[in-house]
PDB file of all heavy atoms in Angstrom:
ATOM      1  N   SER A   1       6.917 -41.293   9.097  1.00  0.00           N
ATOM      2  CA  SER A   1       7.152 -39.926   8.642  1.00  0.00           C
ATOM      3  C   SER A   1       5.819 -39.214   8.489  1.00  0.00           C
ATOM      4  O   SER A   1       4.842 -39.806   8.064  1.00  0.00           O
ATOM      5  CB  SER A   1       7.920 -39.917   7.330  1.00  0.00           C
ATOM      6  OG  SER A   1       7.206 -40.609   6.338  1.00  0.00           O
ATOM      7  N   PRO A   2       5.789 -37.957   8.871  1.00  0.00           N
ATOM      8  CA  PRO A   2       4.553 -37.205   8.776  1.00  0.00           C
ATOM      9  C   PRO A   2       4.119 -37.053   7.334  1.00  0.00           C
ATOM     10  O   PRO A   2       4.923 -37.193   6.414  1.00  0.00           O
ATOM     11  CB  PRO A   2       4.922 -35.848   9.391  1.00  0.00           C
ATOM     12  CG  PRO A   2       6.181 -36.073  10.099  1.00  0.00           C
ATOM     13  CD  PRO A   2       6.862 -37.205   9.414  1.00  0.00           C
ATOM     14  N   PRO A   3       2.762 -36.749   7.084  1.00  0.00           N
ATOM     15  CA  PRO A   3       2.294 -36.495   5.718  1.00  0.00           C
ATOM     16  C   PRO A   3       3.018 -35.310   5.098  1.00  0.00           C
ATOM     17  O   PRO A   3       3.561 -34.448   5.789  1.00  0.00           O
ATOM     18  CB  PRO A   3       0.797 -36.195   5.917  1.00  0.00           C
ATOM     19  CG  PRO A   3       0.454 -36.700   7.259  1.00  0.00           C
ATOM     20  CD  PRO A   3       1.706 -36.632   8.077  1.00  0.00           C
ATOM     21  N   HIS A   4       3.057 -35.247   3.761  1.00  0.00           N
ATOM     22  CA  HIS A   4       3.707 -34.155   3.045  1.00  0.00           C
ATOM     23  C   HIS A   4       2.969 -32.844   3.320  1.00  0.00           C
ATOM     24  O   HIS A   4       1.757 -32.747   3.114  1.00  0.00           O
ATOM     25  CB  HIS A   4       3.723 -34.427   1.541  1.00  0.00           C
ATOM     26  CG  HIS A   4       4.312 -33.279   0.740  1.00  0.00           C
ATOM     27  ND1 HIS A   4       5.671 -33.002   0.772  1.00  0.00           N
ATOM     28  CD2 HIS A   4       3.735 -32.374  -0.070  1.00  0.00           C
ATOM     29  CE1 HIS A   4       5.897 -31.953  -0.011  1.00  0.00           C
ATOM     30  NE2 HIS A   4       4.725 -31.558  -0.541  1.00  0.00           N
ATOM     31  N   THR A   5       3.689 -31.865   3.856  1.00  0.00           N
ATOM     32  CA  THR A   5       3.103 -30.560   4.142  1.00  0.00           C
ATOM     33  C   THR A   5       4.018 -29.450   3.639  1.00  0.00           C
ATOM     34  O   THR A   5       5.199 -29.664   3.384  1.00  0.00           O
ATOM     35  CB  THR A   5       2.907 -30.378   5.662  1.00  0.00           C
ATOM     36  OG1 THR A   5       4.182 -30.565   6.330  1.00  0.00           O
ATOM     37  CG2 THR A   5       1.892 -31.386   6.189  1.00  0.00           C
ATOM     38  N   LYS A   6       3.425 -28.262   3.511  1.00  0.00           N
ATOM     39  CA  LYS A   6       4.207 -27.104   3.102  1.00  0.00           C
ATOM     40  C   LYS A   6       5.053 -26.586   4.264  1.00  0.00           C
ATOM     41  O   LYS A   6       4.778 -26.857   5.426  1.00  0.00           O
ATOM     42  CB  LYS A   6       3.284 -25.968   2.624  1.00  0.00           C
ATOM     43  CG  LYS A   6       2.483 -26.279   1.368  1.00  0.00           C
ATOM     44  CD  LYS A   6       1.622 -25.063   1.002  1.00  0.00           C
ATOM     45  CE  LYS A   6       0.781 -25.346  -0.228  1.00  0.00           C
ATOM     46  NZ  LYS A   6      -0.096 -24.184  -0.554  1.00  0.00           N
ATOM     47  N   ASP A   7       6.077 -25.825   3.928  1.00  0.00           N
ATOM     48  CA  ASP A   7       6.842 -25.092   4.939  1.00  0.00           C
ATOM     49  C   ASP A   7       6.187 -23.721   5.080  1.00  0.00           C
ATOM     50  O   ASP A   7       6.312 -22.856   4.223  1.00  0.00           O
ATOM     51  CB  ASP A   7       8.304 -24.950   4.510  1.00  0.00           C
ATOM     52  CG  ASP A   7       9.121 -24.196   5.552  1.00  0.00           C
ATOM     53  OD1 ASP A   7       8.578 -23.901   6.636  1.00  0.00           O
ATOM     54  OD2 ASP A   7      10.300 -23.887   5.272  1.00  0.00           O
ATOM     55  N   TRP A   8       5.455 -23.544   6.166  1.00  0.00           N
ATOM     56  CA  TRP A   8       4.685 -22.315   6.363  1.00  0.00           C
ATOM     57  C   TRP A   8       5.477 -21.221   7.090  1.00  0.00           C
ATOM     58  O   TRP A   8       4.944 -20.134   7.327  1.00  0.00           O
ATOM     59  CB  TRP A   8       3.422 -22.623   7.166  1.00  0.00           C
ATOM     60  CG  TRP A   8       2.426 -23.417   6.398  1.00  0.00           C
ATOM     61  CD1 TRP A   8       2.309 -24.776   6.368  1.00  0.00           C
ATOM     62  CD2 TRP A   8       1.411 -22.920   5.509  1.00  0.00           C
ATOM     63  NE1 TRP A   8       1.299 -25.144   5.535  1.00  0.00           N
ATOM     64  CE2 TRP A   8       0.709 -24.043   4.988  1.00  0.00           C
ATOM     65  CE3 TRP A   8       1.025 -21.641   5.106  1.00  0.00           C
ATOM     66  CZ2 TRP A   8      -0.334 -23.908   4.102  1.00  0.00           C
ATOM     67  CZ3 TRP A   8      -0.033 -21.527   4.222  1.00  0.00           C
ATOM     68  CH2 TRP A   8      -0.699 -22.645   3.720  1.00  0.00           C
ATOM     69  N   SER A   9       6.728 -21.511   7.434  1.00  0.00           N
ATOM     70  CA  SER A   9       7.481 -20.550   8.239  1.00  0.00           C
ATOM     71  C   SER A   9       7.711 -19.226   7.520  1.00  0.00           C
ATOM     72  O   SER A   9       7.803 -18.176   8.152  1.00  0.00           O
ATOM     73  CB  SER A   9       8.823 -21.171   8.651  1.00  0.00           C
ATOM     74  OG  SER A   9       9.574 -21.518   7.501  1.00  0.00           O
ATOM     75  N   GLU A  10       7.812 -19.258   6.194  1.00  0.00           N
ATOM     76  CA  GLU A  10       8.096 -18.033   5.437  1.00  0.00           C
ATOM     77  C   GLU A  10       6.840 -17.446   4.793  1.00  0.00           C
ATOM     78  O   GLU A  10       6.908 -16.426   4.111  1.00  0.00           O
ATOM     79  CB  GLU A  10       9.131 -18.343   4.337  1.00  0.00           C
ATOM     80  CG  GLU A  10      10.482 -18.804   4.856  1.00  0.00           C
ATOM     81  CD  GLU A  10      11.173 -17.760   5.709  1.00  0.00           C
ATOM     82  OE1 GLU A  10      10.985 -16.561   5.446  1.00  0.00           O
ATOM     83  OE2 GLU A  10      11.885 -18.146   6.663  1.00  0.00           O
ATOM     84  N   ILE A  11       5.696 -18.096   4.989  1.00  0.00           N
ATOM     85  CA  ILE A  11       4.459 -17.624   4.362  1.00  0.00           C
ATOM     86  C   ILE A  11       3.687 -16.772   5.357  1.00  0.00           C
ATOM     87  O   ILE A  11       3.444 -17.183   6.487  1.00  0.00           O
ATOM     88  CB  ILE A  11       3.597 -18.811   3.892  1.00  0.00           C
ATOM     89  CG1 ILE A  11       4.348 -19.603   2.827  1.00  0.00           C
ATOM     90  CG2 ILE A  11       2.254 -18.311   3.337  1.00  0.00           C
ATOM     91  CD1 ILE A  11       3.593 -20.816   2.341  1.00  0.00           C
ATOM     92  N   SER A  12       3.335 -15.575   4.956  1.00  0.00           N
ATOM     93  CA  SER A  12       2.571 -14.686   5.806  1.00  0.00           C
ATOM     94  C   SER A  12       1.692 -13.804   4.935  1.00  0.00           C
ATOM     95  O   SER A  12       1.900 -13.673   3.735  1.00  0.00           O
ATOM     96  CB  SER A  12       3.504 -13.826   6.680  1.00  0.00           C
ATOM     97  OG  SER A  12       4.389 -13.086   5.859  1.00  0.00           O
ATOM     98  N   VAL A  13       0.710 -13.234   5.557  1.00  0.00           N
ATOM     99  CA  VAL A  13      -0.206 -12.339   4.848  1.00  0.00           C
ATOM    100  C   VAL A  13      -0.047 -10.944   5.427  1.00  0.00           C
ATOM    101  O   VAL A  13      -0.303 -10.728   6.610  1.00  0.00           O
ATOM    102  CB  VAL A  13      -1.667 -12.819   4.991  1.00  0.00           C
ATOM    103  CG1 VAL A  13      -2.607 -11.841   4.301  1.00  0.00           C
ATOM    104  CG2 VAL A  13      -1.823 -14.203   4.407  1.00  0.00           C
ATOM    105  N   HIS A  14       0.428 -10.024   4.624  1.00  0.00           N
ATOM    106  CA  HIS A  14       0.655  -8.655   5.066  1.00  0.00           C
ATOM    107  C   HIS A  14      -0.510  -7.770   4.650  1.00  0.00           C
ATOM    108  O   HIS A  14      -1.182  -8.023   3.647  1.00  0.00           O
ATOM    109  CB  HIS A  14       1.940  -8.096   4.458  1.00  0.00           C
ATOM    110  CG  HIS A  14       3.163  -8.895   4.799  1.00  0.00           C
ATOM    111  ND1 HIS A  14       3.866  -8.722   5.961  1.00  0.00           N
ATOM    112  CD2 HIS A  14       3.781  -9.901   4.132  1.00  0.00           C
ATOM    113  CE1 HIS A  14       4.881  -9.563   6.000  1.00  0.00           C
ATOM    114  NE2 HIS A  14       4.847 -10.297   4.895  1.00  0.00           N
ATOM    115  N   SER A  15      -0.722  -6.737   5.421  1.00  0.00           N
ATOM    116  CA  SER A  15      -1.718  -5.752   5.004  1.00  0.00           C
ATOM    117  C   SER A  15      -1.242  -5.101   3.713  1.00  0.00           C
ATOM    118  O   SER A  15      -0.067  -4.806   3.536  1.00  0.00           O
ATOM    119  CB  SER A  15      -1.889  -4.701   6.107  1.00  0.00           C
ATOM    120  OG  SER A  15      -0.655  -4.084   6.402  1.00  0.00           O
ATOM    121  N   ASP A  16      -2.151  -4.934   2.785  1.00  0.00           N
ATOM    122  CA  ASP A  16      -1.795  -4.489   1.446  1.00  0.00           C
ATOM    123  C   ASP A  16      -1.391  -3.017   1.453  1.00  0.00           C
ATOM    124  O   ASP A  16      -2.121  -2.155   1.958  1.00  0.00           O
ATOM    125  CB  ASP A  16      -2.968  -4.705   0.496  1.00  0.00           C
ATOM    126  CG  ASP A  16      -2.503  -4.827  -0.936  1.00  0.00           C
ATOM    127  OD1 ASP A  16      -1.447  -4.260  -1.231  1.00  0.00           O
ATOM    128  OD2 ASP A  16      -3.194  -5.492  -1.726  1.00  0.00           O
ATOM    129  N   LEU A  17      -0.192  -2.743   0.904  1.00  0.00           N
ATOM    130  CA  LEU A  17       0.306  -1.368   0.824  1.00  0.00           C
ATOM    131  C   LEU A  17      -0.299  -0.610  -0.349  1.00  0.00           C
ATOM    132  O   LEU A  17      -0.243   0.615  -0.392  1.00  0.00           O
ATOM    133  CB  LEU A  17       1.834  -1.371   0.678  1.00  0.00           C
ATOM    134  CG  LEU A  17       2.613  -2.129   1.766  1.00  0.00           C
ATOM    135  CD1 LEU A  17       4.079  -2.165   1.403  1.00  0.00           C
ATOM    136  CD2 LEU A  17       2.411  -1.468   3.116  1.00  0.00           C
ATOM    137  N   CYS A  18      -0.875  -1.355  -1.304  1.00  0.00           N
ATOM    138  CA  CYS A  18      -1.324  -0.709  -2.541  1.00  0.00           C
ATOM    139  C   CYS A  18      -2.446   0.278  -2.301  1.00  0.00           C
ATOM    140  O   CYS A  18      -2.598   1.249  -3.051  1.00  0.00           O
ATOM    141  CB  CYS A  18      -1.764  -1.768  -3.548  1.00  0.00           C
ATOM    142  SG  CYS A  18      -0.425  -2.863  -4.052  1.00  0.00           S
ATOM    143  N   VAL A  19      -3.266   0.037  -1.247  1.00  0.00           N
ATOM    144  CA  VAL A  19      -4.382   0.950  -1.030  1.00  0.00           C
ATOM    145  C   VAL A  19      -3.886   2.343  -0.676  1.00  0.00           C
ATOM    146  O   VAL A  19      -4.426   3.358  -1.125  1.00  0.00           O
ATOM    147  CB  VAL A  19      -5.303   0.398   0.073  1.00  0.00           C
ATOM    148  CG1 VAL A  19      -6.019  -0.833  -0.406  1.00  0.00           C
ATOM    149  CG2 VAL A  19      -4.525   0.096   1.340  1.00  0.00           C
ATOM    150  N   VAL A  20      -2.810   2.385   0.123  1.00  0.00           N
ATOM    151  CA  VAL A  20      -2.238   3.690   0.471  1.00  0.00           C
ATOM    152  C   VAL A  20      -1.597   4.328  -0.759  1.00  0.00           C
ATOM    153  O   VAL A  20      -1.763   5.517  -1.036  1.00  0.00           O
ATOM    154  CB  VAL A  20      -1.209   3.544   1.608  1.00  0.00           C
ATOM    155  CG1 VAL A  20      -0.620   4.894   1.961  1.00  0.00           C
ATOM    156  CG2 VAL A  20      -1.863   2.904   2.822  1.00  0.00           C
ATOM    157  N   GLY A  21      -0.846   3.525  -1.498  1.00  0.00           N
ATOM    158  CA  GLY A  21      -0.193   4.051  -2.700  1.00  0.00           C
ATOM    159  C   GLY A  21      -1.188   4.521  -3.743  1.00  0.00           C
ATOM    160  O   GLY A  21      -0.964   5.522  -4.439  1.00  0.00           O
ATOM    161  N   THR A  22      -2.306   3.798  -3.862  1.00  0.00           N
ATOM    162  CA  THR A  22      -3.328   4.193  -4.834  1.00  0.00           C
ATOM    163  C   THR A  22      -3.917   5.553  -4.477  1.00  0.00           C
ATOM    164  O   THR A  22      -4.108   6.421  -5.357  1.00  0.00           O
ATOM    165  CB  THR A  22      -4.438   3.130  -4.878  1.00  0.00           C
ATOM    166  OG1 THR A  22      -3.860   1.871  -5.205  1.00  0.00           O
ATOM    167  CG2 THR A  22      -5.491   3.489  -5.903  1.00  0.00           C
ATOM    168  N   LEU A  23      -4.200   5.729  -3.192  1.00  0.00           N
ATOM    169  CA  LEU A  23      -4.729   7.022  -2.763  1.00  0.00           C
ATOM    170  C   LEU A  23      -3.708   8.132  -2.997  1.00  0.00           C
ATOM    171  O   LEU A  23      -4.045   9.236  -3.447  1.00  0.00           O
ATOM    172  CB  LEU A  23      -5.128   6.946  -1.288  1.00  0.00           C
ATOM    173  CG  LEU A  23      -5.616   8.254  -0.659  1.00  0.00           C
ATOM    174  CD1 LEU A  23      -6.813   8.818  -1.426  1.00  0.00           C
ATOM    175  CD2 LEU A  23      -5.982   8.034   0.804  1.00  0.00           C
ATOM    176  N   ARG A  24      -2.451   7.812  -2.690  1.00  0.00           N
ATOM    177  CA  ARG A  24      -1.406   8.827  -2.900  1.00  0.00           C
ATOM    178  C   ARG A  24      -1.309   9.224  -4.370  1.00  0.00           C
ATOM    179  O   ARG A  24      -1.190  10.412  -4.708  1.00  0.00           O
ATOM    180  CB  ARG A  24      -0.068   8.276  -2.414  1.00  0.00           C
ATOM    181  CG  ARG A  24       1.113   9.196  -2.699  1.00  0.00           C
ATOM    182  CD  ARG A  24       2.375   8.711  -1.996  1.00  0.00           C
ATOM    183  NE  ARG A  24       2.687   7.340  -2.329  1.00  0.00           N
ATOM    184  CZ  ARG A  24       3.308   6.988  -3.463  1.00  0.00           C
ATOM    185  NH1 ARG A  24       3.626   7.894  -4.379  1.00  0.00           N
ATOM    186  NH2 ARG A  24       3.577   5.714  -3.698  1.00  0.00           N
ATOM    187  N   ARG A  25      -1.357   8.243  -5.265  1.00  0.00           N
ATOM    188  CA  ARG A  25      -1.277   8.569  -6.695  1.00  0.00           C
ATOM    189  C   ARG A  25      -2.494   9.358  -7.173  1.00  0.00           C
ATOM    190  O   ARG A  25      -2.380  10.247  -8.023  1.00  0.00           O
ATOM    191  CB  ARG A  25      -1.120   7.278  -7.487  1.00  0.00           C
ATOM    192  CG  ARG A  25       0.243   6.630  -7.325  1.00  0.00           C
ATOM    193  CD  ARG A  25       0.429   5.490  -8.314  1.00  0.00           C
ATOM    194  NE  ARG A  25      -0.518   4.406  -8.076  1.00  0.00           N
ATOM    195  CZ  ARG A  25      -0.293   3.410  -7.244  1.00  0.00           C
ATOM    196  NH1 ARG A  25       0.845   3.355  -6.553  1.00  0.00           N
ATOM    197  NH2 ARG A  25      -1.197   2.457  -7.080  1.00  0.00           N
ATOM    198  N   ALA A  26      -3.664   8.983  -6.623  1.00  0.00           N
ATOM    199  CA  ALA A  26      -4.868   9.721  -7.013  1.00  0.00           C
ATOM    200  C   ALA A  26      -4.783  11.187  -6.602  1.00  0.00           C
ATOM    201  O   ALA A  26      -5.192  12.098  -7.351  1.00  0.00           O
ATOM    202  CB  ALA A  26      -6.094   9.062  -6.385  1.00  0.00           C
ATOM    203  N   LEU A  27      -4.248  11.395  -5.410  1.00  0.00           N
ATOM    204  CA  LEU A  27      -4.108  12.774  -4.957  1.00  0.00           C
ATOM    205  C   LEU A  27      -3.061  13.534  -5.779  1.00  0.00           C
ATOM    206  O   LEU A  27      -3.199  14.750  -6.022  1.00  0.00           O
ATOM    207  CB  LEU A  27      -3.730  12.797  -3.479  1.00  0.00           C
ATOM    208  CG  LEU A  27      -4.819  12.293  -2.505  1.00  0.00           C
ATOM    209  CD1 LEU A  27      -4.266  12.246  -1.087  1.00  0.00           C
ATOM    210  CD2 LEU A  27      -6.045  13.176  -2.573  1.00  0.00           C
ATOM    211  N   SER A  28      -2.007  12.809  -6.185  1.00  0.00           N
ATOM    212  CA  SER A  28      -0.960  13.460  -6.974  1.00  0.00           C
ATOM    213  C   SER A  28      -1.485  13.968  -8.313  1.00  0.00           C
ATOM    214  O   SER A  28      -1.011  15.001  -8.832  1.00  0.00           O
ATOM    215  CB  SER A  28       0.200  12.492  -7.197  1.00  0.00           C
ATOM    216  OG  SER A  28       0.777  12.148  -5.968  1.00  0.00           O
ATOM    217  N   GLU A  29      -2.458  13.262  -8.871  1.00  0.00           N
ATOM    218  CA  GLU A  29      -3.037  13.673 -10.159  1.00  0.00           C
ATOM    219  C   GLU A  29      -3.801  14.985 -10.036  1.00  0.00           C
ATOM    220  O   GLU A  29      -3.992  15.723 -11.014  1.00  0.00           O
ATOM    221  CB  GLU A  29      -3.969  12.572 -10.682  1.00  0.00           C
ATOM    222  CG  GLU A  29      -3.247  11.293 -11.054  1.00  0.00           C
ATOM    223  CD  GLU A  29      -4.188  10.174 -11.422  1.00  0.00           C
ATOM    224  OE1 GLU A  29      -5.419  10.405 -11.334  1.00  0.00           O
ATOM    225  OE2 GLU A  29      -3.692   9.096 -11.792  1.00  0.00           O
ATOM    226  N   LEU A  30      -4.251  15.285  -8.817  1.00  0.00           N
ATOM    227  CA  LEU A  30      -4.982  16.533  -8.587  1.00  0.00           C
ATOM    228  C   LEU A  30      -4.082  17.654  -8.057  1.00  0.00           C
ATOM    229  O   LEU A  30      -4.563  18.730  -7.673  1.00  0.00           O
ATOM    230  CB  LEU A  30      -6.116  16.291  -7.581  1.00  0.00           C
ATOM    231  CG  LEU A  30      -7.164  15.243  -7.974  1.00  0.00           C
ATOM    232  CD1 LEU A  30      -8.117  15.010  -6.816  1.00  0.00           C
ATOM    233  CD2 LEU A  30      -7.914  15.656  -9.218  1.00  0.00           C
ATOM    234  N   LYS A  31      -2.801  17.363  -8.002  1.00  0.00           N
ATOM    235  CA  LYS A  31      -1.880  18.291  -7.345  1.00  0.00           C
ATOM    236  C   LYS A  31      -1.853  19.671  -8.018  1.00  0.00           C
ATOM    237  O   LYS A  31      -1.678  20.694  -7.344  1.00  0.00           O
ATOM    238  CB  LYS A  31      -0.480  17.687  -7.345  1.00  0.00           C
ATOM    239  CG  LYS A  31       0.538  18.524  -6.575  1.00  0.00           C
ATOM    240  CD  LYS A  31       1.886  17.812  -6.529  1.00  0.00           C
ATOM    241  CE  LYS A  31       2.892  18.651  -5.740  1.00  0.00           C
ATOM    242  NZ  LYS A  31       4.206  17.970  -5.657  1.00  0.00           N
ATOM    243  N   GLU A  32      -2.015  19.689  -9.344  1.00  0.00           N
ATOM    244  CA  GLU A  32      -1.929  20.954 -10.084  1.00  0.00           C
ATOM    245  C   GLU A  32      -2.997  21.941  -9.616  1.00  0.00           C
ATOM    246  O   GLU A  32      -2.737  23.132  -9.485  1.00  0.00           O
ATOM    247  CB  GLU A  32      -2.065  20.685 -11.575  1.00  0.00           C
ATOM    248  CG  GLU A  32      -1.875  21.931 -12.432  1.00  0.00           C
ATOM    249  CD  GLU A  32      -1.886  21.604 -13.913  1.00  0.00           C
ATOM    250  OE1 GLU A  32      -1.952  20.392 -14.240  1.00  0.00           O
ATOM    251  OE2 GLU A  32      -1.858  22.536 -14.704  1.00  0.00           O
ATOM    252  N   ARG A  33      -4.207  21.444  -9.360  1.00  0.00           N
ATOM    253  CA  ARG A  33      -5.280  22.335  -8.919  1.00  0.00           C
ATOM    254  C   ARG A  33      -5.356  22.463  -7.413  1.00  0.00           C
ATOM    255  O   ARG A  33      -5.831  23.454  -6.882  1.00  0.00           O
ATOM    256  CB  ARG A  33      -6.624  21.805  -9.443  1.00  0.00           C
ATOM    257  CG  ARG A  33      -6.816  21.961 -10.934  1.00  0.00           C
ATOM    258  CD  ARG A  33      -8.206  21.517 -11.342  1.00  0.00           C
ATOM    259  NE  ARG A  33      -8.445  20.109 -11.029  1.00  0.00           N
ATOM    260  CZ  ARG A  33      -9.659  19.582 -10.933  1.00  0.00           C
ATOM    261  NH1 ARG A  33     -10.725  20.343 -11.062  1.00  0.00           N
ATOM    262  NH2 ARG A  33      -9.785  18.292 -10.683  1.00  0.00           N
ATOM    263  N   LEU A  34      -4.921  21.408  -6.711  1.00  0.00           N
ATOM    264  CA  LEU A  34      -5.086  21.382  -5.253  1.00  0.00           C
ATOM    265  C   LEU A  34      -3.740  21.122  -4.586  1.00  0.00           C
ATOM    266  O   LEU A  34      -3.600  20.245  -3.751  1.00  0.00           O
ATOM    267  CB  LEU A  34      -6.077  20.300  -4.861  1.00  0.00           C
ATOM    268  CG  LEU A  34      -7.426  20.322  -5.580  1.00  0.00           C
ATOM    269  CD1 LEU A  34      -8.133  18.998  -5.379  1.00  0.00           C
ATOM    270  CD2 LEU A  34      -8.290  21.462  -5.094  1.00  0.00           C
ATOM    271  N   SER A  35      -2.704  21.857  -5.021  1.00  0.00           N
ATOM    272  CA  SER A  35      -1.329  21.560  -4.598  1.00  0.00           C
ATOM    273  C   SER A  35      -1.153  21.602  -3.082  1.00  0.00           C
ATOM    274  O   SER A  35      -0.482  20.734  -2.519  1.00  0.00           O
ATOM    275  CB  SER A  35      -0.355  22.546  -5.268  1.00  0.00           C
ATOM    276  OG  SER A  35      -0.706  23.889  -4.920  1.00  0.00           O
ATOM    277  N   LYS A  36      -1.724  22.558  -2.422  1.00  0.00           N
ATOM    278  CA  LYS A  36      -1.515  22.669  -0.984  1.00  0.00           C
ATOM    279  C   LYS A  36      -2.131  21.484  -0.243  1.00  0.00           C
ATOM    280  O   LYS A  36      -1.474  20.847   0.603  1.00  0.00           O
ATOM    281  CB  LYS A  36      -2.117  23.968  -0.479  1.00  0.00           C
ATOM    282  CG  LYS A  36      -1.870  24.194   1.011  1.00  0.00           C
ATOM    283  CD  LYS A  36      -2.423  25.538   1.454  1.00  0.00           C
ATOM    284  CE  LYS A  36      -2.186  25.752   2.954  1.00  0.00           C
ATOM    285  NZ  LYS A  36      -2.700  27.057   3.417  1.00  0.00           N
ATOM    286  N   GLU A  37      -3.422  21.166  -0.556  1.00  0.00           N
ATOM    287  CA  GLU A  37      -4.091  20.052   0.111  1.00  0.00           C
ATOM    288  C   GLU A  37      -3.412  18.711  -0.218  1.00  0.00           C
ATOM    289  O   GLU A  37      -3.211  17.857   0.652  1.00  0.00           O
ATOM    290  CB  GLU A  37      -5.554  20.011  -0.307  1.00  0.00           C
ATOM    291  CG  GLU A  37      -6.391  21.179   0.183  1.00  0.00           C
ATOM    292  CD  GLU A  37      -6.314  22.368  -0.779  1.00  0.00           C
ATOM    293  OE1 GLU A  37      -5.414  22.375  -1.654  1.00  0.00           O
ATOM    294  OE2 GLU A  37      -7.149  23.276  -0.654  1.00  0.00           O
ATOM    295  N   ILE A  38      -3.049  18.555  -1.514  1.00  0.00           N
ATOM    296  CA  ILE A  38      -2.435  17.296  -1.934  1.00  0.00           C
ATOM    297  C   ILE A  38      -1.069  17.103  -1.294  1.00  0.00           C
ATOM    298  O   ILE A  38      -0.723  16.001  -0.859  1.00  0.00           O
ATOM    299  CB  ILE A  38      -2.319  17.252  -3.461  1.00  0.00           C
ATOM    300  CG1 ILE A  38      -3.704  17.237  -4.102  1.00  0.00           C
ATOM    301  CG2 ILE A  38      -1.534  16.019  -3.909  1.00  0.00           C
ATOM    302  CD1 ILE A  38      -4.546  16.060  -3.738  1.00  0.00           C
ATOM    303  N   ASP A  39      -0.258  18.177  -1.224  1.00  0.00           N
ATOM    304  CA  ASP A  39       1.082  18.056  -0.624  1.00  0.00           C
ATOM    305  C   ASP A  39       0.996  17.613   0.834  1.00  0.00           C
ATOM    306  O   ASP A  39       1.754  16.751   1.292  1.00  0.00           O
ATOM    307  CB  ASP A  39       1.816  19.388  -0.731  1.00  0.00           C
ATOM    308  CG  ASP A  39       2.273  19.690  -2.152  1.00  0.00           C
ATOM    309  OD1 ASP A  39       2.275  18.740  -2.962  1.00  0.00           O
ATOM    310  OD2 ASP A  39       2.618  20.846  -2.435  1.00  0.00           O
ATOM    311  N   THR A  40       0.075  18.182   1.568  1.00  0.00           N
ATOM    312  CA  THR A  40      -0.069  17.841   2.986  1.00  0.00           C
ATOM    313  C   THR A  40      -0.507  16.384   3.168  1.00  0.00           C
ATOM    314  O   THR A  40       0.058  15.619   3.958  1.00  0.00           O
ATOM    315  CB  THR A  40      -1.081  18.775   3.655  1.00  0.00           C
ATOM    316  OG1 THR A  40      -0.636  20.140   3.517  1.00  0.00           O
ATOM    317  CG2 THR A  40      -1.226  18.440   5.132  1.00  0.00           C
ATOM    318  N   GLU A  41      -1.548  15.983   2.386  1.00  0.00           N
ATOM    319  CA  GLU A  41      -2.064  14.626   2.530  1.00  0.00           C
ATOM    320  C   GLU A  41      -1.072  13.585   2.025  1.00  0.00           C
ATOM    321  O   GLU A  41      -0.925  12.520   2.616  1.00  0.00           O
ATOM    322  CB  GLU A  41      -3.392  14.516   1.773  1.00  0.00           C
ATOM    323  CG  GLU A  41      -4.126  13.215   1.997  1.00  0.00           C
ATOM    324  CD  GLU A  41      -4.598  13.030   3.428  1.00  0.00           C
ATOM    325  OE1 GLU A  41      -4.656  14.039   4.185  1.00  0.00           O
ATOM    326  OE2 GLU A  41      -4.892  11.886   3.812  1.00  0.00           O
ATOM    327  N   THR A  42      -0.366  13.931   0.925  1.00  0.00           N
ATOM    328  CA  THR A  42       0.602  12.977   0.368  1.00  0.00           C
ATOM    329  C   THR A  42       1.740  12.717   1.355  1.00  0.00           C
ATOM    330  O   THR A  42       2.187  11.567   1.514  1.00  0.00           O
ATOM    331  CB  THR A  42       1.165  13.523  -0.946  1.00  0.00           C
ATOM    332  OG1 THR A  42       0.111  13.695  -1.884  1.00  0.00           O
ATOM    333  CG2 THR A  42       2.186  12.558  -1.529  1.00  0.00           C
ATOM    334  N   LYS A  43       2.201  13.757   2.016  1.00  0.00           N
ATOM    335  CA  LYS A  43       3.283  13.577   2.976  1.00  0.00           C
ATOM    336  C   LYS A  43       2.857  12.648   4.115  1.00  0.00           C
ATOM    337  O   LYS A  43       3.608  11.755   4.524  1.00  0.00           O
ATOM    338  CB  LYS A  43       3.697  14.934   3.530  1.00  0.00           C
ATOM    339  CG  LYS A  43       4.844  14.852   4.525  1.00  0.00           C
ATOM    340  CD  LYS A  43       5.235  16.229   5.022  1.00  0.00           C
ATOM    341  CE  LYS A  43       6.383  16.128   6.033  1.00  0.00           C
ATOM    342  NZ  LYS A  43       6.775  17.466   6.547  1.00  0.00           N
ATOM    343  N   ARG A  44       1.638  12.822   4.599  1.00  0.00           N
ATOM    344  CA  ARG A  44       1.149  11.976   5.691  1.00  0.00           C
ATOM    345  C   ARG A  44       1.023  10.522   5.253  1.00  0.00           C
ATOM    346  O   ARG A  44       1.418   9.587   5.974  1.00  0.00           O
ATOM    347  CB  ARG A  44      -0.207  12.488   6.172  1.00  0.00           C
ATOM    348  CG  ARG A  44      -0.733  11.741   7.402  1.00  0.00           C
ATOM    349  CD  ARG A  44      -2.117  12.236   7.766  1.00  0.00           C
ATOM    350  NE  ARG A  44      -3.091  11.801   6.783  1.00  0.00           N
ATOM    351  CZ  ARG A  44      -3.651  10.598   6.777  1.00  0.00           C
ATOM    352  NH1 ARG A  44      -3.299   9.702   7.690  1.00  0.00           N
ATOM    353  NH2 ARG A  44      -4.541  10.278   5.871  1.00  0.00           N
TER     354      ARG A  44
END
């Protein structure tokens, strides 16, 4: 029997979504003063 190993079929490394979300939240905080610029960038 082979040595004890992990099941790697379900393990993967995804690109982190938090960086996009962090930028979006940062822009949202400035929305009151920069609503037009923030709305456009947030949508993208």
